[in-house]
């Protein structure tokens, strides 16, 4: 079953094409991440799906409903976490949860929500006394107060400390497991890689790539081997020394050597054998597989080059 269905969606403002023929869908219980630079069209698409903006043309359906013509029943079935909610600072956490919860037929209790987002000791604290990260956790609590079938998350963990971000990731993953469909926008590529079942990459209003994080990462060749070149090695000689050892061209930045290799075990074995024979220490030696960030940077760089 499709929770969200988008077909040839377009939004124009005069000559500006904010969204230009985008097609994708989100299945029930799936976490789908929309990635893109500022101005790529993410927010416009999400606002159309939430019913806050109308499309120029194309089709957008959420739970089988056109959001632009949706009634109260539709609002009762979705949750929204905006980049900033503007909650009245004089409310306590309990009060604002109960206020927002009153808009839904079925809702979670304030006690359950603060436990889910890690604010148990702030239930009776005023919103204005909370840190920025804690206020974002309140935003997340309000987004799920009505037990939504579809949850829209717009940069949900901005301002979170590492522990709070991990807790929120666990919560989002659990919601997907429980059957909630999640449409996520984020600038944290590690967040998308961890949470998303599938990813769509936007550039200039168009969807330029889509797939699971694993599928997209597999398109980036090789694993990166990096280390600091020994002081005894002249930088001008580094390509001739380390290129053959790693089986590929090397990149030099200061004394940092990097190379993308297809067979990391073989490359590292040759490299470390040479270092032992030469009695040199390879400082900061690391082996890192390609990440979603590598894919994203490669895709957006290619798109920008083609546009020039």
C-alpha atoms as a PDB file:
ATOM      1  CA  UNK A   1       0.000   0.000   0.000  1.00  0.00           C
ATOM      2  CA  UNK A   2       1.250   3.487  -0.887  1.00  0.00           C
ATOM      3  CA  UNK A   3       1.045   6.070   1.889  1.00  0.00           C
ATOM      4  CA  UNK A   4       2.300   8.875  -0.384  1.00  0.00           C
ATOM      5  CA  UNK A   5       2.065   9.000  -4.165  1.00  0.00           C
ATOM      6  CA  UNK A   6       3.624  11.791  -6.235  1.00  0.00           C
ATOM      7  CA  UNK A   7       3.368  11.810 -10.024  1.00  0.00           C
ATOM      8  CA  UNK A   8       4.920  14.438 -12.336  1.00  0.00           C
ATOM      9  CA  UNK A   9       4.533  17.098  -9.646  1.00  0.00           C
ATOM     10  CA  UNK A  10       5.252  20.673 -10.688  1.00  0.00           C
ATOM     11  CA  UNK A  11       5.212  24.004  -8.891  1.00  0.00           C
ATOM     12  CA  UNK A  12       6.062  27.165 -10.825  1.00  0.00           C
ATOM     13  CA  UNK A  13       6.361  30.753  -9.668  1.00  0.00           C
ATOM     14  CA  UNK A  14       6.418  32.634 -12.929  1.00  0.00           C
ATOM     15  CA  UNK A  15       9.645  31.545 -14.615  1.00  0.00           C
ATOM     16  CA  UNK A  16      10.931  29.860 -11.458  1.00  0.00           C
ATOM     17  CA  UNK A  17      10.466  26.083 -11.455  1.00  0.00           C
ATOM     18  CA  UNK A  18      10.615  25.155  -7.759  1.00  0.00           C
ATOM     19  CA  UNK A  19       9.441  21.597  -8.498  1.00  0.00           C
ATOM     20  CA  UNK A  20       9.796  20.324 -12.042  1.00  0.00           C
ATOM     21  CA  UNK A  21       8.226  16.939 -12.814  1.00  0.00           C
ATOM     22  CA  UNK A  22       8.995  14.974  -9.632  1.00  0.00           C
ATOM     23  CA  UNK A  23       7.696  11.400  -9.239  1.00  0.00           C
ATOM     24  CA  UNK A  24       8.147   9.145  -6.199  1.00  0.00           C
ATOM     25  CA  UNK A  25       6.139   7.218  -3.631  1.00  0.00           C
ATOM     26  CA  UNK A  26       6.376   6.206   0.008  1.00  0.00           C
ATOM     27  CA  UNK A  27       5.082   2.836   1.135  1.00  0.00           C
ATOM     28  CA  UNK A  28       3.320   2.030   4.365  1.00  0.00           C
ATOM     29  CA  UNK A  29       5.817   1.759   7.220  1.00  0.00           C
ATOM     30  CA  UNK A  30       8.650   3.145   5.089  1.00  0.00           C
ATOM     31  CA  UNK A  31      11.067   5.928   6.022  1.00  0.00           C
ATOM     32  CA  UNK A  32      11.794   7.951   2.877  1.00  0.00           C
ATOM     33  CA  UNK A  33      14.407  10.721   2.948  1.00  0.00           C
ATOM     34  CA  UNK A  34      14.317  13.668   0.534  1.00  0.00           C
ATOM     35  CA  UNK A  35      17.787  15.174   0.208  1.00  0.00           C
ATOM     36  CA  UNK A  36      18.922  18.288  -1.593  1.00  0.00           C
ATOM     37  CA  UNK A  37      20.586  21.649  -1.224  1.00  0.00           C
ATOM     38  CA  UNK A  38      18.641  24.669  -0.022  1.00  0.00           C
ATOM     39  CA  UNK A  39      16.352  25.656  -2.866  1.00  0.00           C
ATOM     40  CA  UNK A  40      16.260  22.180  -4.402  1.00  0.00           C
ATOM     41  CA  UNK A  41      12.498  21.903  -3.873  1.00  0.00           C
ATOM     42  CA  UNK A  42      12.246  19.779  -0.724  1.00  0.00           C
ATOM     43  CA  UNK A  43      10.162  22.162   1.355  1.00  0.00           C
ATOM     44  CA  UNK A  44       7.820  22.946  -1.533  1.00  0.00           C
ATOM     45  CA  UNK A  45       7.098  19.252  -2.092  1.00  0.00           C
ATOM     46  CA  UNK A  46       6.519  18.631   1.607  1.00  0.00           C
ATOM     47  CA  UNK A  47       4.224  21.658   1.920  1.00  0.00           C
ATOM     48  CA  UNK A  48       2.150  20.402  -1.039  1.00  0.00           C
ATOM     49  CA  UNK A  49       1.855  16.977   0.577  1.00  0.00           C
ATOM     50  CA  UNK A  50       0.827  18.554   3.882  1.00  0.00           C
ATOM     51  CA  UNK A  51      -1.859  20.575   2.120  1.00  0.00           C
ATOM     52  CA  UNK A  52      -0.251  23.941   2.876  1.00  0.00           C
ATOM     53  CA  UNK A  53       0.571  24.748  -0.748  1.00  0.00           C
ATOM     54  CA  UNK A  54      -1.095  23.877  -4.048  1.00  0.00           C
ATOM     55  CA  UNK A  55       0.683  22.319  -7.033  1.00  0.00           C
ATOM     56  CA  UNK A  56       0.782  23.902 -10.472  1.00  0.00           C
ATOM     57  CA  UNK A  57       0.206  20.495 -12.063  1.00  0.00           C
ATOM     58  CA  UNK A  58       0.705  16.795 -11.467  1.00  0.00           C
ATOM     59  CA  UNK A  59      -0.658  14.512  -8.783  1.00  0.00           C
ATOM     60  CA  UNK A  60       0.002  14.334  -5.042  1.00  0.00           C
ATOM     61  CA  UNK A  61      -1.871  11.973  -2.747  1.00  0.00           C
ATOM     62  CA  UNK A  62      -1.400  11.143   0.921  1.00  0.00           C
ATOM     63  CA  UNK A  63      -3.343   8.150   2.268  1.00  0.00           C
ATOM     64  CA  UNK A  64      -5.275   8.210  -0.998  1.00  0.00           C
ATOM     65  CA  UNK A  65      -6.388  11.818  -0.433  1.00  0.00           C
ATOM     66  CA  UNK A  66      -5.559  14.995  -2.328  1.00  0.00           C
ATOM     67  CA  UNK A  67      -4.062  17.181   0.445  1.00  0.00           C
ATOM     68  CA  UNK A  68      -5.231  20.381  -1.289  1.00  0.00           C
ATOM     69  CA  UNK A  69      -8.860  19.296  -0.823  1.00  0.00           C
ATOM     70  CA  UNK A  70      -8.441  17.484   2.497  1.00  0.00           C
ATOM     71  CA  UNK A  71     -10.782  17.850   5.466  1.00  0.00           C
ATOM     72  CA  UNK A  72     -10.383  17.343   9.207  1.00  0.00           C
ATOM     73  CA  UNK A  73     -10.221  13.546   8.882  1.00  0.00           C
ATOM     74  CA  UNK A  74      -7.004  13.921   6.883  1.00  0.00           C
ATOM     75  CA  UNK A  75      -5.403  16.173   9.516  1.00  0.00           C
ATOM     76  CA  UNK A  76      -6.291  13.602  12.127  1.00  0.00           C
ATOM     77  CA  UNK A  77      -4.168  10.989  10.345  1.00  0.00           C
ATOM     78  CA  UNK A  78      -0.929  12.910   9.752  1.00  0.00           C
ATOM     79  CA  UNK A  79       1.762  14.439  11.933  1.00  0.00           C
ATOM     80  CA  UNK A  80       4.041  17.348  11.088  1.00  0.00           C
ATOM     81  CA  UNK A  81       7.342  18.482  12.589  1.00  0.00           C
ATOM     82  CA  UNK A  82       8.337  21.830  11.106  1.00  0.00           C
ATOM     83  CA  UNK A  83      11.811  23.367  11.209  1.00  0.00           C
ATOM     84  CA  UNK A  84      10.447  25.696  13.900  1.00  0.00           C
ATOM     85  CA  UNK A  85       7.003  25.632  15.444  1.00  0.00           C
ATOM     86  CA  UNK A  86       6.809  28.969  17.289  1.00  0.00           C
ATOM     87  CA  UNK A  87       5.237  27.472  20.409  1.00  0.00           C
ATOM     88  CA  UNK A  88       4.137  30.009  23.035  1.00  0.00           C
ATOM     89  CA  UNK A  89       7.020  30.197  25.516  1.00  0.00           C
ATOM     90  CA  UNK A  90       4.788  30.605  28.574  1.00  0.00           C
ATOM     91  CA  UNK A  91       3.176  27.175  28.182  1.00  0.00           C
ATOM     92  CA  UNK A  92       4.579  24.239  30.110  1.00  0.00           C
ATOM     93  CA  UNK A  93       5.499  21.104  28.196  1.00  0.00           C
ATOM     94  CA  UNK A  94       2.461  19.334  29.636  1.00  0.00           C
ATOM     95  CA  UNK A  95       0.135  22.179  28.695  1.00  0.00           C
ATOM     96  CA  UNK A  96       1.293  22.425  25.096  1.00  0.00           C
ATOM     97  CA  UNK A  97       1.068  18.655  24.605  1.00  0.00           C
ATOM     98  CA  UNK A  98      -2.464  18.595  25.989  1.00  0.00           C
ATOM     99  CA  UNK A  99      -3.423  21.613  23.865  1.00  0.00           C
ATOM    100  CA  UNK A 100      -2.153  20.081  20.630  1.00  0.00           C
ATOM    101  CA  UNK A 101      -3.437  16.642  21.607  1.00  0.00           C
ATOM    102  CA  UNK A 102      -6.955  18.046  21.859  1.00  0.00           C
ATOM    103  CA  UNK A 103      -6.980  18.350  18.049  1.00  0.00           C
ATOM    104  CA  UNK A 104      -6.867  14.573  17.591  1.00  0.00           C
ATOM    105  CA  UNK A 105      -9.469  11.880  18.204  1.00  0.00           C
ATOM    106  CA  UNK A 106      -6.802   9.426  19.365  1.00  0.00           C
ATOM    107  CA  UNK A 107      -3.727  10.734  21.146  1.00  0.00           C
ATOM    108  CA  UNK A 108      -0.778   9.847  23.313  1.00  0.00           C
ATOM    109  CA  UNK A 109      -0.554  11.073  26.883  1.00  0.00           C
ATOM    110  CA  UNK A 110       1.922  13.755  27.926  1.00  0.00           C
ATOM    111  CA  UNK A 111       3.718  11.212  30.131  1.00  0.00           C
ATOM    112  CA  UNK A 112       4.171   8.797  27.228  1.00  0.00           C
ATOM    113  CA  UNK A 113       5.432  11.499  24.893  1.00  0.00           C
ATOM    114  CA  UNK A 114       8.061  12.989  27.198  1.00  0.00           C
ATOM    115  CA  UNK A 115       9.371   9.467  27.797  1.00  0.00           C
ATOM    116  CA  UNK A 116       9.586   8.862  24.045  1.00  0.00           C
ATOM    117  CA  UNK A 117      11.553  12.068  23.365  1.00  0.00           C
ATOM    118  CA  UNK A 118      13.648  12.063  26.543  1.00  0.00           C
ATOM    119  CA  UNK A 119      12.095  14.994  28.429  1.00  0.00           C
ATOM    120  CA  UNK A 120      10.741  13.181  31.492  1.00  0.00           C
ATOM    121  CA  UNK A 121      12.202  15.755  33.884  1.00  0.00           C
ATOM    122  CA  UNK A 122      10.828  18.700  31.867  1.00  0.00           C
ATOM    123  CA  UNK A 123       7.123  17.847  31.863  1.00  0.00           C
ATOM    124  CA  UNK A 124       6.178  20.862  33.995  1.00  0.00           C
ATOM    125  CA  UNK A 125       8.910  23.199  32.721  1.00  0.00           C
ATOM    126  CA  UNK A 126       7.956  26.227  30.641  1.00  0.00           C
ATOM    127  CA  UNK A 127       8.876  26.126  26.956  1.00  0.00           C
ATOM    128  CA  UNK A 128      10.863  29.349  27.329  1.00  0.00           C
ATOM    129  CA  UNK A 129      13.155  27.739  29.904  1.00  0.00           C
ATOM    130  CA  UNK A 130      14.195  24.899  27.574  1.00  0.00           C
ATOM    131  CA  UNK A 131      17.323  24.814  25.449  1.00  0.00           C
ATOM    132  CA  UNK A 132      16.994  24.928  21.663  1.00  0.00           C
ATOM    133  CA  UNK A 133      17.542  21.182  21.414  1.00  0.00           C
ATOM    134  CA  UNK A 134      14.947  20.485  24.100  1.00  0.00           C
ATOM    135  CA  UNK A 135      12.423  22.684  22.288  1.00  0.00           C
ATOM    136  CA  UNK A 136      13.037  20.644  19.126  1.00  0.00           C
ATOM    137  CA  UNK A 137      12.242  17.520  21.143  1.00  0.00           C
ATOM    138  CA  UNK A 138       8.949  19.123  22.135  1.00  0.00           C
ATOM    139  CA  UNK A 139       8.306  19.747  18.415  1.00  0.00           C
ATOM    140  CA  UNK A 140       8.893  16.048  17.762  1.00  0.00           C
ATOM    141  CA  UNK A 141       6.529  15.105  20.590  1.00  0.00           C
ATOM    142  CA  UNK A 142       3.810  17.319  19.124  1.00  0.00           C
ATOM    143  CA  UNK A 143       4.306  15.726  15.710  1.00  0.00           C
ATOM    144  CA  UNK A 144       3.458  12.271  17.035  1.00  0.00           C
ATOM    145  CA  UNK A 145       0.874  13.202  19.694  1.00  0.00           C
ATOM    146  CA  UNK A 146      -1.995  12.066  17.418  1.00  0.00           C
ATOM    147  CA  UNK A 147      -0.475   8.651  16.540  1.00  0.00           C
ATOM    148  CA  UNK A 148      -0.106   9.603  12.854  1.00  0.00           C
ATOM    149  CA  UNK A 149      -0.254   7.184   9.951  1.00  0.00           C
ATOM    150  CA  UNK A 150       2.039   9.503   7.977  1.00  0.00           C
ATOM    151  CA  UNK A 151       4.670  11.686   9.659  1.00  0.00           C
ATOM    152  CA  UNK A 152       6.415  14.621   7.948  1.00  0.00           C
ATOM    153  CA  UNK A 153       9.768  15.440   9.528  1.00  0.00           C
ATOM    154  CA  UNK A 154      11.505  18.628   8.354  1.00  0.00           C
ATOM    155  CA  UNK A 155      15.051  18.732   9.755  1.00  0.00           C
ATOM    156  CA  UNK A 156      13.817  17.073  12.976  1.00  0.00           C
ATOM    157  CA  UNK A 157      17.110  16.783  14.877  1.00  0.00           C
ATOM    158  CA  UNK A 158      18.630  20.210  14.199  1.00  0.00           C
ATOM    159  CA  UNK A 159      20.116  21.462  17.459  1.00  0.00           C
ATOM    160  CA  UNK A 160      20.118  18.043  19.150  1.00  0.00           C
ATOM    161  CA  UNK A 161      23.127  16.879  21.112  1.00  0.00           C
ATOM    162  CA  UNK A 162      24.516  13.471  19.993  1.00  0.00           C
ATOM    163  CA  UNK A 163      22.666  11.500  22.686  1.00  0.00           C
ATOM    164  CA  UNK A 164      19.327  13.157  21.903  1.00  0.00           C
ATOM    165  CA  UNK A 165      19.837  12.598  18.179  1.00  0.00           C
ATOM    166  CA  UNK A 166      20.446   8.879  18.716  1.00  0.00           C
ATOM    167  CA  UNK A 167      17.338   8.602  20.892  1.00  0.00           C
ATOM    168  CA  UNK A 168      15.280  10.339  18.224  1.00  0.00           C
ATOM    169  CA  UNK A 169      16.674   8.012  15.571  1.00  0.00           C
ATOM    170  CA  UNK A 170      15.532   5.040  17.654  1.00  0.00           C
ATOM    171  CA  UNK A 171      12.069   6.583  17.945  1.00  0.00           C
ATOM    172  CA  UNK A 172      11.770   7.230  14.197  1.00  0.00           C
ATOM    173  CA  UNK A 173      12.927   3.713  13.391  1.00  0.00           C
ATOM    174  CA  UNK A 174      10.389   2.277  15.833  1.00  0.00           C
ATOM    175  CA  UNK A 175       7.589   4.305  14.267  1.00  0.00           C
ATOM    176  CA  UNK A 176       8.426   2.839  10.879  1.00  0.00           C
ATOM    177  CA  UNK A 177       8.461  -0.648  12.375  1.00  0.00           C
ATOM    178  CA  UNK A 178       5.031   0.041  13.904  1.00  0.00           C
ATOM    179  CA  UNK A 179       3.610   0.962  10.480  1.00  0.00           C
ATOM    180  CA  UNK A 180       3.930   4.769  10.383  1.00  0.00           C
ATOM    181  CA  UNK A 181       5.169   6.114   7.051  1.00  0.00           C
ATOM    182  CA  UNK A 182       7.790   8.846   7.436  1.00  0.00           C
ATOM    183  CA  UNK A 183       8.868  11.496   4.923  1.00  0.00           C
ATOM    184  CA  UNK A 184      12.123  12.974   6.198  1.00  0.00           C
ATOM    185  CA  UNK A 185      14.131  15.964   5.021  1.00  0.00           C
ATOM    186  CA  UNK A 186      17.547  16.419   6.576  1.00  0.00           C
ATOM    187  CA  UNK A 187      20.968  17.911   5.905  1.00  0.00           C
ATOM    188  CA  UNK A 188      22.574  15.239   8.104  1.00  0.00           C
ATOM    189  CA  UNK A 189      23.609  12.592   5.581  1.00  0.00           C
ATOM    190  CA  UNK A 190      24.512  10.096   8.320  1.00  0.00           C
ATOM    191  CA  UNK A 191      20.961  10.515   9.628  1.00  0.00           C
ATOM    192  CA  UNK A 192      19.469   9.675   6.242  1.00  0.00           C
ATOM    193  CA  UNK A 193      21.824   6.726   5.819  1.00  0.00           C
ATOM    194  CA  UNK A 194      20.858   5.351   9.227  1.00  0.00           C
ATOM    195  CA  UNK A 195      17.096   5.911   9.050  1.00  0.00           C
ATOM    196  CA  UNK A 196      15.937   5.811   5.436  1.00  0.00           C
ATOM    197  CA  UNK A 197      14.646   2.710   3.691  1.00  0.00           C
ATOM    198  CA  UNK A 198      14.909   4.700   0.460  1.00  0.00           C
ATOM    199  CA  UNK A 199      16.377   8.058  -0.496  1.00  0.00           C
ATOM    200  CA  UNK A 200      15.488  10.586  -3.199  1.00  0.00           C
ATOM    201  CA  UNK A 201      18.033  13.244  -4.185  1.00  0.00           C
ATOM    202  CA  UNK A 202      16.676  16.546  -5.505  1.00  0.00           C
ATOM    203  CA  UNK A 203      18.521  19.186  -7.506  1.00  0.00           C
ATOM    204  CA  UNK A 204      16.960  22.264  -9.090  1.00  0.00           C
ATOM    205  CA  UNK A 205      13.463  20.916  -8.576  1.00  0.00           C
ATOM    206  CA  UNK A 206      14.116  17.518 -10.171  1.00  0.00           C
ATOM    207  CA  UNK A 207      14.661  14.069  -8.703  1.00  0.00           C
ATOM    208  CA  UNK A 208      18.121  13.081  -9.957  1.00  0.00           C
ATOM    209  CA  UNK A 209      18.580   9.806  -8.054  1.00  0.00           C
ATOM    210  CA  UNK A 210      16.539   7.383  -5.968  1.00  0.00           C
ATOM    211  CA  UNK A 211      17.140   4.075  -4.227  1.00  0.00           C
ATOM    212  CA  UNK A 212      18.078   2.439  -0.972  1.00  0.00           C
ATOM    213  CA  UNK A 213      21.161   3.917   0.732  1.00  0.00           C
ATOM    214  CA  UNK A 214      23.000   0.651  -0.018  1.00  0.00           C
ATOM    215  CA  UNK A 215      22.115   0.774  -3.722  1.00  0.00           C
ATOM    216  CA  UNK A 216      23.186   4.388  -4.048  1.00  0.00           C
ATOM    217  CA  UNK A 217      26.412   3.827  -2.116  1.00  0.00           C
ATOM    218  CA  UNK A 218      27.275   0.876  -4.365  1.00  0.00           C
ATOM    219  CA  UNK A 219      27.409   3.305  -7.301  1.00  0.00           C
ATOM    220  CA  UNK A 220      30.397   5.065  -5.735  1.00  0.00           C
ATOM    221  CA  UNK A 221      33.435   3.027  -6.613  1.00  0.00           C
ATOM    222  CA  UNK A 222      35.815   1.747  -4.031  1.00  0.00           C
ATOM    223  CA  UNK A 223      36.775   2.286  -0.431  1.00  0.00           C
ATOM    224  CA  UNK A 224      38.934   5.190   0.717  1.00  0.00           C
ATOM    225  CA  UNK A 225      42.335   4.453   2.247  1.00  0.00           C
ATOM    226  CA  UNK A 226      44.033   7.438   3.858  1.00  0.00           C
ATOM    227  CA  UNK A 227      47.153   8.142   5.929  1.00  0.00           C
ATOM    228  CA  UNK A 228      49.753  10.822   6.635  1.00  0.00           C
ATOM    229  CA  UNK A 229      52.808  10.544   4.449  1.00  0.00           C
ATOM    230  CA  UNK A 230      56.064   9.936   6.405  1.00  0.00           C
ATOM    231  CA  UNK A 231      58.348  12.929   6.881  1.00  0.00           C
ATOM    232  CA  UNK A 232      61.107  10.984   5.128  1.00  0.00           C
ATOM    233  CA  UNK A 233      59.125  10.897   1.885  1.00  0.00           C
ATOM    234  CA  UNK A 234      59.293  13.845  -0.505  1.00  0.00           C
ATOM    235  CA  UNK A 235      55.777  14.899  -1.503  1.00  0.00           C
ATOM    236  CA  UNK A 236      56.813  15.042  -5.166  1.00  0.00           C
ATOM    237  CA  UNK A 237      57.727  11.357  -4.945  1.00  0.00           C
ATOM    238  CA  UNK A 238      54.519  10.293  -3.160  1.00  0.00           C
ATOM    239  CA  UNK A 239      52.463   9.448  -6.288  1.00  0.00           C
ATOM    240  CA  UNK A 240      55.221   7.196  -7.624  1.00  0.00           C
ATOM    241  CA  UNK A 241      55.657   5.478  -4.242  1.00  0.00           C
ATOM    242  CA  UNK A 242      52.102   5.007  -3.065  1.00  0.00           C
ATOM    243  CA  UNK A 243      50.192   4.827  -6.359  1.00  0.00           C
ATOM    244  CA  UNK A 244      51.617   1.382  -7.269  1.00  0.00           C
ATOM    245  CA  UNK A 245      51.200   0.129  -3.700  1.00  0.00           C
ATOM    246  CA  UNK A 246      47.516   1.063  -3.628  1.00  0.00           C
ATOM    247  CA  UNK A 247      46.908   0.150  -7.255  1.00  0.00           C
ATOM    248  CA  UNK A 248      45.383   3.503  -8.175  1.00  0.00           C
ATOM    249  CA  UNK A 249      46.084   7.218  -8.372  1.00  0.00           C
ATOM    250  CA  UNK A 250      46.498   8.979  -5.035  1.00  0.00           C
ATOM    251  CA  UNK A 251      45.245  12.383  -3.922  1.00  0.00           C
ATOM    252  CA  UNK A 252      47.560  14.611  -1.886  1.00  0.00           C
ATOM    253  CA  UNK A 253      46.407  17.333   0.524  1.00  0.00           C
ATOM    254  CA  UNK A 254      49.317  18.633   2.568  1.00  0.00           C
ATOM    255  CA  UNK A 255      50.841  15.442   3.925  1.00  0.00           C
ATOM    256  CA  UNK A 256      47.556  13.543   3.719  1.00  0.00           C
ATOM    257  CA  UNK A 257      47.382  10.769   1.139  1.00  0.00           C
ATOM    258  CA  UNK A 258      43.988   9.446   0.009  1.00  0.00           C
ATOM    259  CA  UNK A 259      43.044   6.862  -2.591  1.00  0.00           C
ATOM    260  CA  UNK A 260      39.842   5.120  -3.654  1.00  0.00           C
ATOM    261  CA  UNK A 261      40.577   1.398  -3.977  1.00  0.00           C
ATOM    262  CA  UNK A 262      38.500  -1.479  -5.286  1.00  0.00           C
ATOM    263  CA  UNK A 263      40.132  -4.181  -3.132  1.00  0.00           C
ATOM    264  CA  UNK A 264      40.966  -2.602   0.232  1.00  0.00           C
ATOM    265  CA  UNK A 265      42.392  -5.731   1.905  1.00  0.00           C
ATOM    266  CA  UNK A 266      44.959  -6.233  -0.864  1.00  0.00           C
ATOM    267  CA  UNK A 267      45.844  -2.544  -1.012  1.00  0.00           C
ATOM    268  CA  UNK A 268      46.314  -2.212   2.753  1.00  0.00           C
ATOM    269  CA  UNK A 269      48.368  -5.426   2.838  1.00  0.00           C
ATOM    270  CA  UNK A 270      50.775  -4.084   0.206  1.00  0.00           C
ATOM    271  CA  UNK A 271      50.928  -0.699   1.911  1.00  0.00           C
ATOM    272  CA  UNK A 272      51.614  -2.007   5.415  1.00  0.00           C
ATOM    273  CA  UNK A 273      54.141  -4.560   4.134  1.00  0.00           C
ATOM    274  CA  UNK A 274      56.044  -1.743   2.471  1.00  0.00           C
ATOM    275  CA  UNK A 275      55.878   0.346   5.662  1.00  0.00           C
ATOM    276  CA  UNK A 276      57.252  -2.523   7.770  1.00  0.00           C
ATOM    277  CA  UNK A 277      60.100  -3.164   5.322  1.00  0.00           C
ATOM    278  CA  UNK A 278      60.888   0.558   5.146  1.00  0.00           C
ATOM    279  CA  UNK A 279      60.564   0.908   8.934  1.00  0.00           C
ATOM    280  CA  UNK A 280      58.220   3.891   8.660  1.00  0.00           C
ATOM    281  CA  UNK A 281      55.025   4.689  10.565  1.00  0.00           C
ATOM    282  CA  UNK A 282      51.892   5.459   8.546  1.00  0.00           C
ATOM    283  CA  UNK A 283      50.169   7.938  10.831  1.00  0.00           C
ATOM    284  CA  UNK A 284      46.355   8.121  10.938  1.00  0.00           C
ATOM    285  CA  UNK A 285      45.976   5.106   8.668  1.00  0.00           C
ATOM    286  CA  UNK A 286      42.271   4.506   8.067  1.00  0.00           C
ATOM    287  CA  UNK A 287      40.021   2.509   5.754  1.00  0.00           C
ATOM    288  CA  UNK A 288      36.572   3.967   5.123  1.00  0.00           C
ATOM    289  CA  UNK A 289      33.853   2.602   2.912  1.00  0.00           C
ATOM    290  CA  UNK A 290      31.858   4.984   0.749  1.00  0.00           C
ATOM    291  CA  UNK A 291      28.971   6.704   2.496  1.00  0.00           C
ATOM    292  CA  UNK A 292      25.721   8.341   1.481  1.00  0.00           C
ATOM    293  CA  UNK A 293      27.509  11.668   1.858  1.00  0.00           C
ATOM    294  CA  UNK A 294      29.982  10.613  -0.849  1.00  0.00           C
ATOM    295  CA  UNK A 295      27.071   9.701  -3.129  1.00  0.00           C
ATOM    296  CA  UNK A 296      25.267  12.976  -2.444  1.00  0.00           C
ATOM    297  CA  UNK A 297      28.348  15.114  -3.082  1.00  0.00           C
ATOM    298  CA  UNK A 298      29.089  13.210  -6.277  1.00  0.00           C
ATOM    299  CA  UNK A 299      25.527  13.576  -7.592  1.00  0.00           C
ATOM    300  CA  UNK A 300      25.139  17.255  -6.756  1.00  0.00           C
ATOM    301  CA  UNK A 301      28.600  18.095  -8.082  1.00  0.00           C
ATOM    302  CA  UNK A 302      27.779  16.357 -11.374  1.00  0.00           C
ATOM    303  CA  UNK A 303      24.439  18.144 -11.608  1.00  0.00           C
ATOM    304  CA  UNK A 304      26.051  21.526 -10.965  1.00  0.00           C
ATOM    305  CA  UNK A 305      28.741  20.864 -13.611  1.00  0.00           C
ATOM    306  CA  UNK A 306      26.110  19.922 -16.203  1.00  0.00           C
ATOM    307  CA  UNK A 307      24.215  23.134 -15.454  1.00  0.00           C
ATOM    308  CA  UNK A 308      27.251  25.323 -16.093  1.00  0.00           C
END
